[in-house]
Amino acid sequence: MTAAGIAALLMLTGCGGKDDVQGKTGEDITAKSSADDIGEAYINEMTRIADALEGVDDEASAKAAAKKMKVAIDGLNQMSDELDGEISGVKGMQIFGGRYAELVQVQGRIATSMIRIQSDHPELMDTISAEMDRMEN
């Protein structure tokens, strides 16, 4: 249940900050950004989430992952706000058409990590969720 909640959160939100990302992030995106820049920022933010989840193997790493994911989610949200939350079908194809393989790969990494954590250490998924909730308040 917790894994599904985090998955839904990741699909609906985003993040920013350049501490560990090369290239564009959510905070770089404006309504005038090119489709290439938007795609790069989105992939970079999702990669930050995948990297964070892949490193989870104990309570400390779960808490650290939650912090990294929060930054990424904030960036994705900032992108969404800048783009008024709307990307037309044509714009979506421009953004992700050339990055489809990257998008599928990073989504697969996220899903694989979430399944691993939930299967092997469900308490760590709860830790991630609780830490993210704590940061929201």
C-alpha atoms as a PDB file:
ATOM      1  CA  MET A   1       0.000   0.000   0.000  1.00  0.00           C
ATOM      2  CA  THR A   2       2.802   2.400   0.921  1.00  0.00           C
ATOM      3  CA  ALA A   3       4.648   1.562  -2.303  1.00  0.00           C
ATOM      4  CA  ALA A   4       1.550   2.386  -4.316  1.00  0.00           C
ATOM      5  CA  GLY A   5       1.216   5.694  -2.496  1.00  0.00           C
ATOM      6  CA  ILE A   6       4.805   6.674  -3.198  1.00  0.00           C
ATOM      7  CA  ALA A   7       4.460   5.574  -6.819  1.00  0.00           C
ATOM      8  CA  ALA A   8       1.383   7.774  -7.194  1.00  0.00           C
ATOM      9  CA  LEU A   9       3.192  10.664  -5.530  1.00  0.00           C
ATOM     10  CA  LEU A  10       6.098  10.304  -7.942  1.00  0.00           C
ATOM     11  CA  MET A  11       3.788  10.305 -10.930  1.00  0.00           C
ATOM     12  CA  LEU A  12       2.047  13.483  -9.812  1.00  0.00           C
ATOM     13  CA  THR A  13       4.932  15.571  -8.486  1.00  0.00           C
ATOM     14  CA  GLY A  14       8.490  16.845  -9.161  1.00  0.00           C
ATOM     15  CA  CYS A  15      11.731  18.492  -7.769  1.00  0.00           C
ATOM     16  CA  GLY A  16      14.724  20.836  -8.236  1.00  0.00           C
ATOM     17  CA  GLY A  17      18.204  21.669  -7.090  1.00  0.00           C
ATOM     18  CA  LYS A  18      21.510  20.861  -8.736  1.00  0.00           C
ATOM     19  CA  ASP A  19      23.499  19.331  -5.896  1.00  0.00           C
ATOM     20  CA  ASP A  20      23.915  15.967  -7.635  1.00  0.00           C
ATOM     21  CA  VAL A  21      22.630  16.503 -11.184  1.00  0.00           C
ATOM     22  CA  GLN A  22      24.488  17.428 -14.350  1.00  0.00           C
ATOM     23  CA  GLY A  23      22.365  19.416 -16.777  1.00  0.00           C
ATOM     24  CA  LYS A  24      18.892  20.884 -16.503  1.00  0.00           C
ATOM     25  CA  THR A  25      16.644  20.373 -13.479  1.00  0.00           C
ATOM     26  CA  GLY A  26      13.088  21.385 -12.689  1.00  0.00           C
ATOM     27  CA  GLU A  27      14.185  24.744 -11.316  1.00  0.00           C
ATOM     28  CA  ASP A  28      15.647  25.643 -14.747  1.00  0.00           C
ATOM     29  CA  ILE A  29      12.353  25.224 -16.602  1.00  0.00           C
ATOM     30  CA  THR A  30      10.098  28.118 -17.580  1.00  0.00           C
ATOM     31  CA  ALA A  31       7.086  28.400 -19.856  1.00  0.00           C
ATOM     32  CA  LYS A  32       9.545  29.406 -22.611  1.00  0.00           C
ATOM     33  CA  SER A  33      11.821  26.394 -22.205  1.00  0.00           C
ATOM     34  CA  SER A  34      12.451  24.227 -25.237  1.00  0.00           C
ATOM     35  CA  ALA A  35      11.047  20.720 -25.482  1.00  0.00           C
ATOM     36  CA  ASP A  36      14.620  19.411 -25.279  1.00  0.00           C
ATOM     37  CA  ASP A  37      15.307  21.289 -22.031  1.00  0.00           C
ATOM     38  CA  ILE A  38      12.023  20.120 -20.487  1.00  0.00           C
ATOM     39  CA  GLY A  39      12.781  16.512 -21.421  1.00  0.00           C
ATOM     40  CA  GLU A  40      16.312  16.749 -20.032  1.00  0.00           C
ATOM     41  CA  ALA A  41      15.093  18.224 -16.745  1.00  0.00           C
ATOM     42  CA  TYR A  42      12.347  15.612 -16.369  1.00  0.00           C
ATOM     43  CA  ILE A  43      14.725  12.710 -17.023  1.00  0.00           C
ATOM     44  CA  ASN A  44      17.298  14.210 -14.633  1.00  0.00           C
ATOM     45  CA  GLU A  45      14.760  14.573 -11.834  1.00  0.00           C
ATOM     46  CA  MET A  46      13.450  11.048 -12.350  1.00  0.00           C
ATOM     47  CA  THR A  47      17.041   9.778 -12.401  1.00  0.00           C
ATOM     48  CA  ARG A  48      17.637  11.479  -9.063  1.00  0.00           C
ATOM     49  CA  ILE A  49      14.658   9.537  -7.651  1.00  0.00           C
ATOM     50  CA  ALA A  50      15.886   6.245  -9.141  1.00  0.00           C
ATOM     51  CA  ASP A  51      19.390   6.790  -7.750  1.00  0.00           C
ATOM     52  CA  ALA A  52      17.987   7.544  -4.308  1.00  0.00           C
ATOM     53  CA  LEU A  53      15.812   4.424  -4.244  1.00  0.00           C
ATOM     54  CA  GLU A  54      18.586   2.159  -5.501  1.00  0.00           C
ATOM     55  CA  GLY A  55      20.719   3.114  -2.503  1.00  0.00           C
ATOM     56  CA  VAL A  56      18.146   2.110   0.118  1.00  0.00           C
ATOM     57  CA  ASP A  57      19.288  -0.801   2.276  1.00  0.00           C
ATOM     58  CA  ASP A  58      18.807   0.380   5.877  1.00  0.00           C
ATOM     59  CA  GLU A  59      16.958   3.018   7.886  1.00  0.00           C
ATOM     60  CA  ALA A  60      19.618   5.713   7.445  1.00  0.00           C
ATOM     61  CA  SER A  61      19.739   5.245   3.672  1.00  0.00           C
ATOM     62  CA  ALA A  62      15.913   5.245   3.526  1.00  0.00           C
ATOM     63  CA  LYS A  63      15.821   8.618   5.310  1.00  0.00           C
ATOM     64  CA  ALA A  64      18.543   9.990   3.031  1.00  0.00           C
ATOM     65  CA  ALA A  65      16.649   8.725  -0.019  1.00  0.00           C
ATOM     66  CA  ALA A  66      13.483  10.474   1.144  1.00  0.00           C
ATOM     67  CA  LYS A  67      15.370  13.773   1.325  1.00  0.00           C
ATOM     68  CA  LYS A  68      16.795  13.324  -2.177  1.00  0.00           C
ATOM     69  CA  MET A  69      13.388  12.320  -3.511  1.00  0.00           C
ATOM     70  CA  LYS A  70      11.800  15.390  -1.922  1.00  0.00           C
ATOM     71  CA  VAL A  71      14.243  17.633  -3.797  1.00  0.00           C
ATOM     72  CA  ALA A  72      13.433  15.838  -7.044  1.00  0.00           C
ATOM     73  CA  ILE A  73       9.681  15.981  -6.416  1.00  0.00           C
ATOM     74  CA  ASP A  74       9.882  19.696  -5.659  1.00  0.00           C
ATOM     75  CA  GLY A  75      11.665  20.217  -8.977  1.00  0.00           C
ATOM     76  CA  LEU A  76       9.051  18.248 -10.890  1.00  0.00           C
ATOM     77  CA  ASN A  77       6.325  20.276  -9.188  1.00  0.00           C
ATOM     78  CA  GLN A  78       8.097  23.500 -10.085  1.00  0.00           C
ATOM     79  CA  MET A  79       8.265  22.370 -13.714  1.00  0.00           C
ATOM     80  CA  SER A  80       4.577  21.538 -13.665  1.00  0.00           C
ATOM     81  CA  ASP A  81       3.729  24.940 -12.190  1.00  0.00           C
ATOM     82  CA  GLU A  82       5.854  26.754 -14.773  1.00  0.00           C
ATOM     83  CA  LEU A  83       4.212  24.806 -17.579  1.00  0.00           C
ATOM     84  CA  ASP A  84       0.724  25.348 -16.113  1.00  0.00           C
ATOM     85  CA  GLY A  85       0.437  21.597 -15.596  1.00  0.00           C
ATOM     86  CA  GLU A  86      -0.438  21.095 -19.247  1.00  0.00           C
ATOM     87  CA  ILE A  87       1.555  19.492 -21.993  1.00  0.00           C
ATOM     88  CA  SER A  88      -0.336  18.823 -25.200  1.00  0.00           C
ATOM     89  CA  GLY A  89       0.025  15.535 -27.031  1.00  0.00           C
ATOM     90  CA  VAL A  90       2.212  17.162 -29.665  1.00  0.00           C
ATOM     91  CA  LYS A  91       4.393  18.899 -27.052  1.00  0.00           C
ATOM     92  CA  GLY A  92       4.652  15.627 -25.138  1.00  0.00           C
ATOM     93  CA  MET A  93       5.877  13.865 -28.272  1.00  0.00           C
ATOM     94  CA  GLN A  94       8.421  16.638 -28.830  1.00  0.00           C
ATOM     95  CA  ILE A  95       9.604  16.372 -25.223  1.00  0.00           C
ATOM     96  CA  PHE A  96       9.767  12.604 -24.844  1.00  0.00           C
ATOM     97  CA  GLY A  97       9.804  11.245 -28.411  1.00  0.00           C
ATOM     98  CA  GLY A  98      13.588  11.330 -28.674  1.00  0.00           C
ATOM     99  CA  ARG A  99      14.022  10.322 -25.026  1.00  0.00           C
ATOM    100  CA  TYR A 100      11.621   7.401 -24.942  1.00  0.00           C
ATOM    101  CA  ALA A 101      14.327   4.820 -24.185  1.00  0.00           C
ATOM    102  CA  GLU A 102      15.718   6.978 -21.341  1.00  0.00           C
ATOM    103  CA  LEU A 103      12.235   7.495 -19.923  1.00  0.00           C
ATOM    104  CA  VAL A 104      11.429   3.780 -19.987  1.00  0.00           C
ATOM    105  CA  GLN A 105      14.790   2.940 -18.408  1.00  0.00           C
ATOM    106  CA  VAL A 106      14.456   5.382 -15.514  1.00  0.00           C
ATOM    107  CA  GLN A 107      10.853   4.380 -14.858  1.00  0.00           C
ATOM    108  CA  GLY A 108      11.975   0.747 -14.816  1.00  0.00           C
ATOM    109  CA  ARG A 109      14.739   1.546 -12.324  1.00  0.00           C
ATOM    110  CA  ILE A 110      12.230   3.262 -10.034  1.00  0.00           C
ATOM    111  CA  ALA A 111       9.742   0.404 -10.267  1.00  0.00           C
ATOM    112  CA  THR A 112      12.419  -2.258  -9.716  1.00  0.00           C
ATOM    113  CA  SER A 113      13.791  -0.465  -6.666  1.00  0.00           C
ATOM    114  CA  MET A 114      10.354   0.057  -5.159  1.00  0.00           C
ATOM    115  CA  ILE A 115       9.490  -3.608  -5.624  1.00  0.00           C
ATOM    116  CA  ARG A 116      12.833  -4.653  -4.108  1.00  0.00           C
ATOM    117  CA  ILE A 117      12.401  -2.402  -1.084  1.00  0.00           C
ATOM    118  CA  GLN A 118       8.784  -3.409  -0.531  1.00  0.00           C
ATOM    119  CA  SER A 119       9.588  -7.120  -0.890  1.00  0.00           C
ATOM    120  CA  ASP A 120      12.841  -7.269   1.061  1.00  0.00           C
ATOM    121  CA  HIS A 121      12.382  -4.483   3.605  1.00  0.00           C
ATOM    122  CA  PRO A 122       8.805  -3.182   3.741  1.00  0.00           C
ATOM    123  CA  GLU A 123       9.661  -1.260   6.910  1.00  0.00           C
ATOM    124  CA  LEU A 124      12.071   0.857   4.845  1.00  0.00           C
ATOM    125  CA  MET A 125       9.274   1.827   2.466  1.00  0.00           C
ATOM    126  CA  ASP A 126       7.358   2.955   5.552  1.00  0.00           C
ATOM    127  CA  THR A 127      10.438   4.920   6.674  1.00  0.00           C
ATOM    128  CA  ILE A 128      10.654   6.682   3.292  1.00  0.00           C
ATOM    129  CA  SER A 129       6.948   7.511   3.379  1.00  0.00           C
ATOM    130  CA  ALA A 130       7.082   8.766   6.981  1.00  0.00           C
ATOM    131  CA  GLU A 131      10.161  10.892   6.309  1.00  0.00           C
ATOM    132  CA  MET A 132       8.549  12.459   3.234  1.00  0.00           C
ATOM    133  CA  ASP A 133       5.391  13.164   5.238  1.00  0.00           C
ATOM    134  CA  ARG A 134       7.498  14.750   7.960  1.00  0.00           C
ATOM    135  CA  MET A 135       9.203  17.047   5.438  1.00  0.00           C
ATOM    136  CA  GLU A 136       5.828  18.188   4.101  1.00  0.00           C
ATOM    137  CA  ASN A 137       4.695  19.388   7.533  1.00  0.00           C
END
